[in-house]
């Protein structure tokens, strides 16, 4: 069984930075695409950024130029560096990954709260 564990959320003032990390635990698997989603109260969960195993990335238009996603395949971690944060970035951020062991399965982390004050 694979678990995704996020860390790094918190409260920051507008213009500040936060770094979210997500580590996968378990053994006998590999991870293809890793993603960060977020969900603000009353809103649908939205894709923030994703990174393929070969390092190709995609970002939501709302975070381009401010957020950077990266991964360490050896440590099976994904990081979201968030700079120039805005109050509208406030949400619960979720790690998501396509895990390949016997078959390809999608996993979610438990979420971490990011709050940006104005």
N, C-alpha and C. Protein backbone atom coordinates (compact mmCIF):
# COMPACT_ATOMS: atom_id res chain seq x y z
N UNK A 1 0.85 -1.18 0.00
CA UNK A 1 0.00 0.00 0.00
C UNK A 1 0.89 1.25 0.00
N UNK A 2 0.57 2.19 -0.86
CA UNK A 2 1.35 3.43 -0.97
C UNK A 2 0.63 4.52 -0.20
N UNK A 3 1.40 5.32 0.51
CA UNK A 3 0.86 6.49 1.19
C UNK A 3 1.59 7.73 0.71
N UNK A 4 0.84 8.80 0.49
CA UNK A 4 1.40 10.09 0.16
C UNK A 4 1.21 11.01 1.36
N UNK A 5 2.30 11.57 1.86
CA UNK A 5 2.24 12.40 3.06
C UNK A 5 2.76 13.79 2.72
N UNK A 6 1.88 14.78 2.89
CA UNK A 6 2.26 16.17 2.59
C UNK A 6 2.74 16.87 3.85
N UNK A 7 3.55 17.90 3.63
CA UNK A 7 4.00 18.76 4.73
C UNK A 7 4.32 20.13 4.15
N UNK A 8 4.38 21.12 5.04
CA UNK A 8 4.83 22.44 4.63
C UNK A 8 3.77 23.51 4.52
N UNK A 9 2.53 23.18 4.76
CA UNK A 9 1.49 24.21 4.71
C UNK A 9 1.62 25.17 5.89
N UNK A 10 0.78 26.21 5.88
CA UNK A 10 0.80 27.16 6.97
C UNK A 10 0.16 28.47 6.59
N UNK A 11 0.41 29.46 7.43
CA UNK A 11 -0.13 30.80 7.23
C UNK A 11 1.00 31.74 6.84
N UNK A 12 0.76 32.52 5.79
CA UNK A 12 1.79 33.45 5.32
C UNK A 12 1.10 34.72 4.82
N UNK A 13 1.81 35.82 4.87
CA UNK A 13 1.27 37.07 4.35
C UNK A 13 1.38 37.10 2.82
N UNK A 14 0.52 37.88 2.21
CA UNK A 14 0.58 38.05 0.76
C UNK A 14 1.98 38.51 0.35
N UNK A 15 2.46 37.91 -0.73
CA UNK A 15 3.80 38.20 -1.20
C UNK A 15 4.85 37.26 -0.66
N UNK A 16 4.47 36.46 0.32
CA UNK A 16 5.41 35.53 0.92
C UNK A 16 5.53 34.23 0.15
N UNK A 17 6.27 33.30 0.74
CA UNK A 17 6.54 32.02 0.09
C UNK A 17 6.28 30.86 1.04
N UNK A 18 5.92 29.74 0.46
CA UNK A 18 5.80 28.48 1.18
C UNK A 18 6.32 27.36 0.28
N UNK A 19 6.75 26.30 0.92
CA UNK A 19 7.26 25.14 0.18
C UNK A 19 6.52 23.91 0.69
N UNK A 20 5.80 23.27 -0.21
CA UNK A 20 5.08 22.05 0.12
C UNK A 20 5.87 20.85 -0.35
N UNK A 21 5.89 19.83 0.47
CA UNK A 21 6.55 18.57 0.11
C UNK A 21 5.57 17.42 0.22
N UNK A 22 5.80 16.41 -0.60
CA UNK A 22 4.97 15.21 -0.56
C UNK A 22 5.90 14.02 -0.74
N UNK A 23 5.86 13.12 0.21
CA UNK A 23 6.71 11.94 0.16
C UNK A 23 5.85 10.69 0.04
N UNK A 24 6.27 9.78 -0.81
CA UNK A 24 5.56 8.51 -0.97
C UNK A 24 6.25 7.43 -0.16
N UNK A 25 5.47 6.71 0.62
CA UNK A 25 6.04 5.62 1.41
C UNK A 25 5.54 4.28 0.88
N UNK A 26 6.31 3.24 1.16
CA UNK A 26 5.98 1.92 0.66
C UNK A 26 7.15 1.38 -0.13
N UNK A 27 6.93 0.26 -0.79
CA UNK A 27 8.01 -0.34 -1.57
C UNK A 27 7.44 -1.11 -2.75
N UNK A 28 8.29 -1.39 -3.71
CA UNK A 28 7.88 -2.21 -4.84
C UNK A 28 7.04 -1.50 -5.86
N UNK A 29 7.21 -0.19 -5.99
CA UNK A 29 6.42 0.55 -6.94
C UNK A 29 7.28 1.64 -7.58
N UNK A 30 6.74 2.20 -8.66
CA UNK A 30 7.33 3.40 -9.25
C UNK A 30 6.21 4.40 -9.47
N UNK A 31 6.59 5.64 -9.62
CA UNK A 31 5.57 6.69 -9.75
C UNK A 31 5.74 7.38 -11.09
N UNK A 32 4.66 7.50 -11.81
CA UNK A 32 4.68 8.23 -13.06
C UNK A 32 4.43 9.71 -12.77
N UNK A 33 3.33 10.25 -13.20
CA UNK A 33 3.07 11.67 -13.01
C UNK A 33 2.69 11.98 -11.56
N UNK A 34 3.24 13.08 -11.05
CA UNK A 34 2.91 13.57 -9.73
C UNK A 34 2.28 14.94 -9.88
N UNK A 35 1.32 15.24 -9.03
CA UNK A 35 0.54 16.47 -9.20
C UNK A 35 0.27 17.13 -7.85
N UNK A 36 -0.01 18.40 -7.90
CA UNK A 36 -0.57 19.15 -6.78
C UNK A 36 -1.91 19.72 -7.22
N UNK A 37 -2.91 19.46 -6.41
CA UNK A 37 -4.23 20.04 -6.59
C UNK A 37 -4.51 20.97 -5.41
N UNK A 38 -5.52 21.80 -5.53
CA UNK A 38 -5.97 22.60 -4.39
C UNK A 38 -7.48 22.74 -4.46
N UNK A 39 -8.04 22.95 -3.27
CA UNK A 39 -9.48 23.15 -3.18
C UNK A 39 -9.77 24.20 -2.11
N UNK A 40 -10.37 25.29 -2.55
CA UNK A 40 -10.79 26.35 -1.64
C UNK A 40 -12.25 26.10 -1.26
N UNK A 41 -12.69 26.61 -0.11
CA UNK A 41 -14.07 26.40 0.32
C UNK A 41 -15.07 26.84 -0.74
N UNK A 42 -16.01 25.96 -1.05
CA UNK A 42 -17.03 26.27 -2.03
C UNK A 42 -16.61 26.10 -3.47
N UNK A 43 -15.33 25.74 -3.67
CA UNK A 43 -14.83 25.59 -5.05
C UNK A 43 -14.54 24.13 -5.37
N UNK A 44 -14.45 23.84 -6.65
CA UNK A 44 -14.03 22.51 -7.08
C UNK A 44 -12.53 22.35 -6.89
N UNK A 45 -12.10 21.11 -6.75
CA UNK A 45 -10.67 20.83 -6.66
C UNK A 45 -10.07 21.11 -8.04
N UNK A 46 -8.96 21.84 -8.05
CA UNK A 46 -8.34 22.20 -9.32
C UNK A 46 -6.88 21.79 -9.37
N UNK A 47 -6.43 21.46 -10.56
CA UNK A 47 -5.04 21.08 -10.77
C UNK A 47 -4.17 22.33 -10.75
N UNK A 48 -3.15 22.32 -9.92
CA UNK A 48 -2.23 23.44 -9.81
C UNK A 48 -1.00 23.23 -10.69
N UNK A 49 -0.40 22.06 -10.56
CA UNK A 49 0.81 21.77 -11.31
C UNK A 49 1.01 20.26 -11.38
N UNK A 50 1.69 19.82 -12.42
CA UNK A 50 2.02 18.41 -12.52
C UNK A 50 3.40 18.25 -13.13
N UNK A 51 4.03 17.11 -12.82
CA UNK A 51 5.35 16.83 -13.34
C UNK A 51 5.43 15.36 -13.70
N UNK A 52 5.86 15.11 -14.92
CA UNK A 52 6.01 13.74 -15.39
C UNK A 52 7.32 13.15 -14.85
N UNK A 53 7.47 11.85 -15.02
CA UNK A 53 8.67 11.19 -14.52
C UNK A 53 9.93 11.76 -15.20
N UNK A 54 9.77 12.19 -16.47
CA UNK A 54 10.94 12.72 -17.19
C UNK A 54 11.17 14.21 -16.91
N UNK A 55 10.35 14.79 -16.01
CA UNK A 55 10.56 16.18 -15.61
C UNK A 55 9.72 17.20 -16.34
N UNK A 56 8.96 16.78 -17.33
CA UNK A 56 8.10 17.75 -18.02
C UNK A 56 7.03 18.24 -17.05
N UNK A 57 6.77 19.56 -17.12
CA UNK A 57 5.85 20.18 -16.18
C UNK A 57 4.72 20.91 -16.89
N UNK A 58 3.63 21.07 -16.16
CA UNK A 58 2.50 21.89 -16.60
C UNK A 58 1.96 22.63 -15.39
N UNK A 59 1.49 23.84 -15.61
CA UNK A 59 0.98 24.68 -14.54
C UNK A 59 -0.37 25.28 -14.91
N UNK A 60 -1.19 25.50 -13.89
CA UNK A 60 -2.40 26.29 -14.09
C UNK A 60 -1.98 27.72 -14.43
N UNK A 61 -2.76 28.37 -15.26
CA UNK A 61 -2.42 29.74 -15.65
C UNK A 61 -2.30 30.66 -14.45
N UNK A 62 -3.11 30.40 -13.42
CA UNK A 62 -3.14 31.29 -12.26
C UNK A 62 -1.86 31.25 -11.43
N UNK A 63 -1.02 30.23 -11.62
CA UNK A 63 0.19 30.11 -10.81
C UNK A 63 1.47 30.18 -11.64
N UNK A 64 1.34 30.26 -12.95
CA UNK A 64 2.53 30.31 -13.80
C UNK A 64 3.41 31.50 -13.43
N UNK A 65 4.70 31.23 -13.33
CA UNK A 65 5.65 32.27 -12.97
C UNK A 65 5.81 32.49 -11.48
N UNK A 66 4.93 31.87 -10.68
CA UNK A 66 5.02 32.03 -9.22
C UNK A 66 5.31 30.71 -8.52
N UNK A 67 4.77 29.63 -9.04
CA UNK A 67 4.95 28.30 -8.43
C UNK A 67 5.89 27.46 -9.29
N UNK A 68 6.65 26.61 -8.62
CA UNK A 68 7.54 25.68 -9.32
C UNK A 68 7.38 24.29 -8.72
N UNK A 69 7.13 23.32 -9.57
CA UNK A 69 7.04 21.93 -9.13
C UNK A 69 8.32 21.20 -9.51
N UNK A 70 8.78 20.35 -8.60
CA UNK A 70 9.97 19.55 -8.87
C UNK A 70 9.81 18.19 -8.18
N UNK A 71 10.66 17.26 -8.56
CA UNK A 71 10.56 15.93 -7.97
C UNK A 71 11.95 15.31 -7.84
N UNK A 72 12.02 14.39 -6.91
CA UNK A 72 13.23 13.60 -6.70
C UNK A 72 12.81 12.14 -6.86
N UNK A 73 13.16 11.53 -7.98
CA UNK A 73 12.71 10.17 -8.24
C UNK A 73 13.35 9.16 -7.28
N UNK A 74 14.55 9.43 -6.85
CA UNK A 74 15.23 8.51 -5.93
C UNK A 74 14.54 8.52 -4.57
N UNK A 75 14.15 9.71 -4.12
CA UNK A 75 13.51 9.82 -2.80
C UNK A 75 11.98 9.73 -2.89
N UNK A 76 11.47 9.66 -4.11
CA UNK A 76 10.03 9.59 -4.37
C UNK A 76 9.31 10.72 -3.66
N UNK A 77 9.74 11.94 -3.95
CA UNK A 77 9.12 13.12 -3.38
C UNK A 77 8.81 14.12 -4.48
N UNK A 78 7.83 14.95 -4.20
CA UNK A 78 7.51 16.05 -5.09
C UNK A 78 7.37 17.30 -4.23
N UNK A 79 7.87 18.41 -4.75
CA UNK A 79 7.90 19.67 -4.02
C UNK A 79 7.18 20.73 -4.84
N UNK A 80 6.41 21.56 -4.16
CA UNK A 80 5.79 22.72 -4.79
C UNK A 80 6.32 23.97 -4.08
N UNK A 81 7.14 24.71 -4.78
CA UNK A 81 7.66 25.97 -4.25
C UNK A 81 6.70 27.07 -4.68
N UNK A 82 6.13 27.76 -3.71
CA UNK A 82 5.13 28.78 -3.99
C UNK A 82 5.66 30.14 -3.57
N UNK A 83 5.84 31.02 -4.53
CA UNK A 83 6.33 32.38 -4.27
C UNK A 83 5.26 33.40 -4.64
N UNK A 84 5.45 34.62 -4.16
CA UNK A 84 4.52 35.71 -4.46
C UNK A 84 3.08 35.29 -4.20
N UNK A 85 2.86 34.70 -3.05
CA UNK A 85 1.53 34.16 -2.74
C UNK A 85 0.49 35.27 -2.63
N UNK A 86 -0.72 34.91 -3.04
CA UNK A 86 -1.85 35.83 -3.02
C UNK A 86 -2.96 35.26 -2.14
N UNK A 87 -3.82 36.10 -1.61
CA UNK A 87 -4.94 35.57 -0.80
C UNK A 87 -5.77 34.52 -1.55
N UNK A 88 -5.89 34.66 -2.85
CA UNK A 88 -6.67 33.69 -3.62
C UNK A 88 -5.97 32.34 -3.76
N UNK A 89 -4.75 32.22 -3.29
CA UNK A 89 -4.07 30.92 -3.26
C UNK A 89 -4.48 30.11 -2.02
N UNK A 90 -5.22 30.73 -1.12
CA UNK A 90 -5.66 30.04 0.08
C UNK A 90 -6.53 28.84 -0.28
N UNK A 91 -6.14 27.67 0.22
CA UNK A 91 -6.84 26.42 -0.10
C UNK A 91 -6.18 25.27 0.65
N UNK A 92 -6.83 24.13 0.60
CA UNK A 92 -6.17 22.89 1.00
C UNK A 92 -5.48 22.33 -0.23
N UNK A 93 -4.21 22.04 -0.10
CA UNK A 93 -3.41 21.53 -1.21
C UNK A 93 -3.21 20.03 -1.04
N UNK A 94 -3.44 19.31 -2.13
CA UNK A 94 -3.38 17.85 -2.12
C UNK A 94 -2.31 17.36 -3.09
N UNK A 95 -1.56 16.41 -2.64
CA UNK A 95 -0.62 15.69 -3.49
C UNK A 95 -1.36 14.54 -4.17
N UNK A 96 -0.99 14.26 -5.41
CA UNK A 96 -1.64 13.20 -6.18
C UNK A 96 -0.59 12.53 -7.05
N UNK A 97 -0.69 11.22 -7.18
CA UNK A 97 0.32 10.51 -7.97
C UNK A 97 -0.26 9.29 -8.66
N UNK A 98 0.26 9.00 -9.83
CA UNK A 98 -0.03 7.76 -10.55
C UNK A 98 1.04 6.75 -10.19
N UNK A 99 0.63 5.72 -9.45
CA UNK A 99 1.58 4.74 -8.92
C UNK A 99 1.45 3.45 -9.71
N UNK A 100 2.60 2.93 -10.13
CA UNK A 100 2.62 1.68 -10.88
C UNK A 100 3.26 0.59 -10.03
N UNK A 101 2.45 -0.38 -9.60
CA UNK A 101 3.03 -1.60 -9.02
C UNK A 101 2.49 -2.77 -9.85
N UNK A 102 1.48 -3.45 -9.39
CA UNK A 102 0.86 -4.49 -10.22
C UNK A 102 0.10 -3.83 -11.37
N UNK A 103 -0.54 -2.71 -11.05
CA UNK A 103 -1.29 -1.95 -12.05
C UNK A 103 -1.13 -0.48 -11.74
N UNK A 104 -1.65 0.34 -12.60
CA UNK A 104 -1.55 1.79 -12.39
C UNK A 104 -2.72 2.25 -11.53
N UNK A 105 -2.40 2.87 -10.41
CA UNK A 105 -3.41 3.33 -9.46
C UNK A 105 -3.14 4.77 -9.09
N UNK A 106 -4.19 5.55 -8.96
CA UNK A 106 -4.06 6.95 -8.57
C UNK A 106 -4.24 7.09 -7.06
N UNK A 107 -3.33 7.81 -6.43
CA UNK A 107 -3.36 7.99 -4.98
C UNK A 107 -3.44 9.48 -4.64
N UNK A 108 -4.05 9.75 -3.48
CA UNK A 108 -4.14 11.11 -2.95
C UNK A 108 -3.51 11.18 -1.57
N UNK A 109 -2.91 12.33 -1.27
CA UNK A 109 -2.50 12.61 0.08
C UNK A 109 -3.67 13.14 0.88
N UNK A 110 -3.40 13.44 2.16
CA UNK A 110 -4.48 13.86 3.06
C UNK A 110 -4.77 15.36 2.97
N UNK A 111 -3.88 16.10 2.36
CA UNK A 111 -4.07 17.54 2.20
C UNK A 111 -3.36 18.35 3.27
N UNK A 112 -2.95 19.54 2.89
CA UNK A 112 -2.32 20.46 3.83
C UNK A 112 -2.86 21.86 3.56
N UNK A 113 -3.16 22.57 4.64
CA UNK A 113 -3.79 23.90 4.52
C UNK A 113 -2.76 24.97 4.23
N UNK A 114 -3.06 25.79 3.23
CA UNK A 114 -2.27 26.98 2.93
C UNK A 114 -3.20 28.18 3.07
N UNK A 115 -2.82 29.12 3.91
CA UNK A 115 -3.63 30.33 4.12
C UNK A 115 -2.76 31.55 3.88
N UNK A 116 -3.25 32.44 3.04
CA UNK A 116 -2.51 33.65 2.69
C UNK A 116 -3.33 34.86 3.12
N UNK A 117 -2.78 35.64 4.01
CA UNK A 117 -3.48 36.82 4.52
C UNK A 117 -3.12 38.06 3.69
N UNK A 118 -4.06 38.96 3.61
CA UNK A 118 -3.83 40.19 2.81
C UNK A 118 -3.24 41.30 3.65
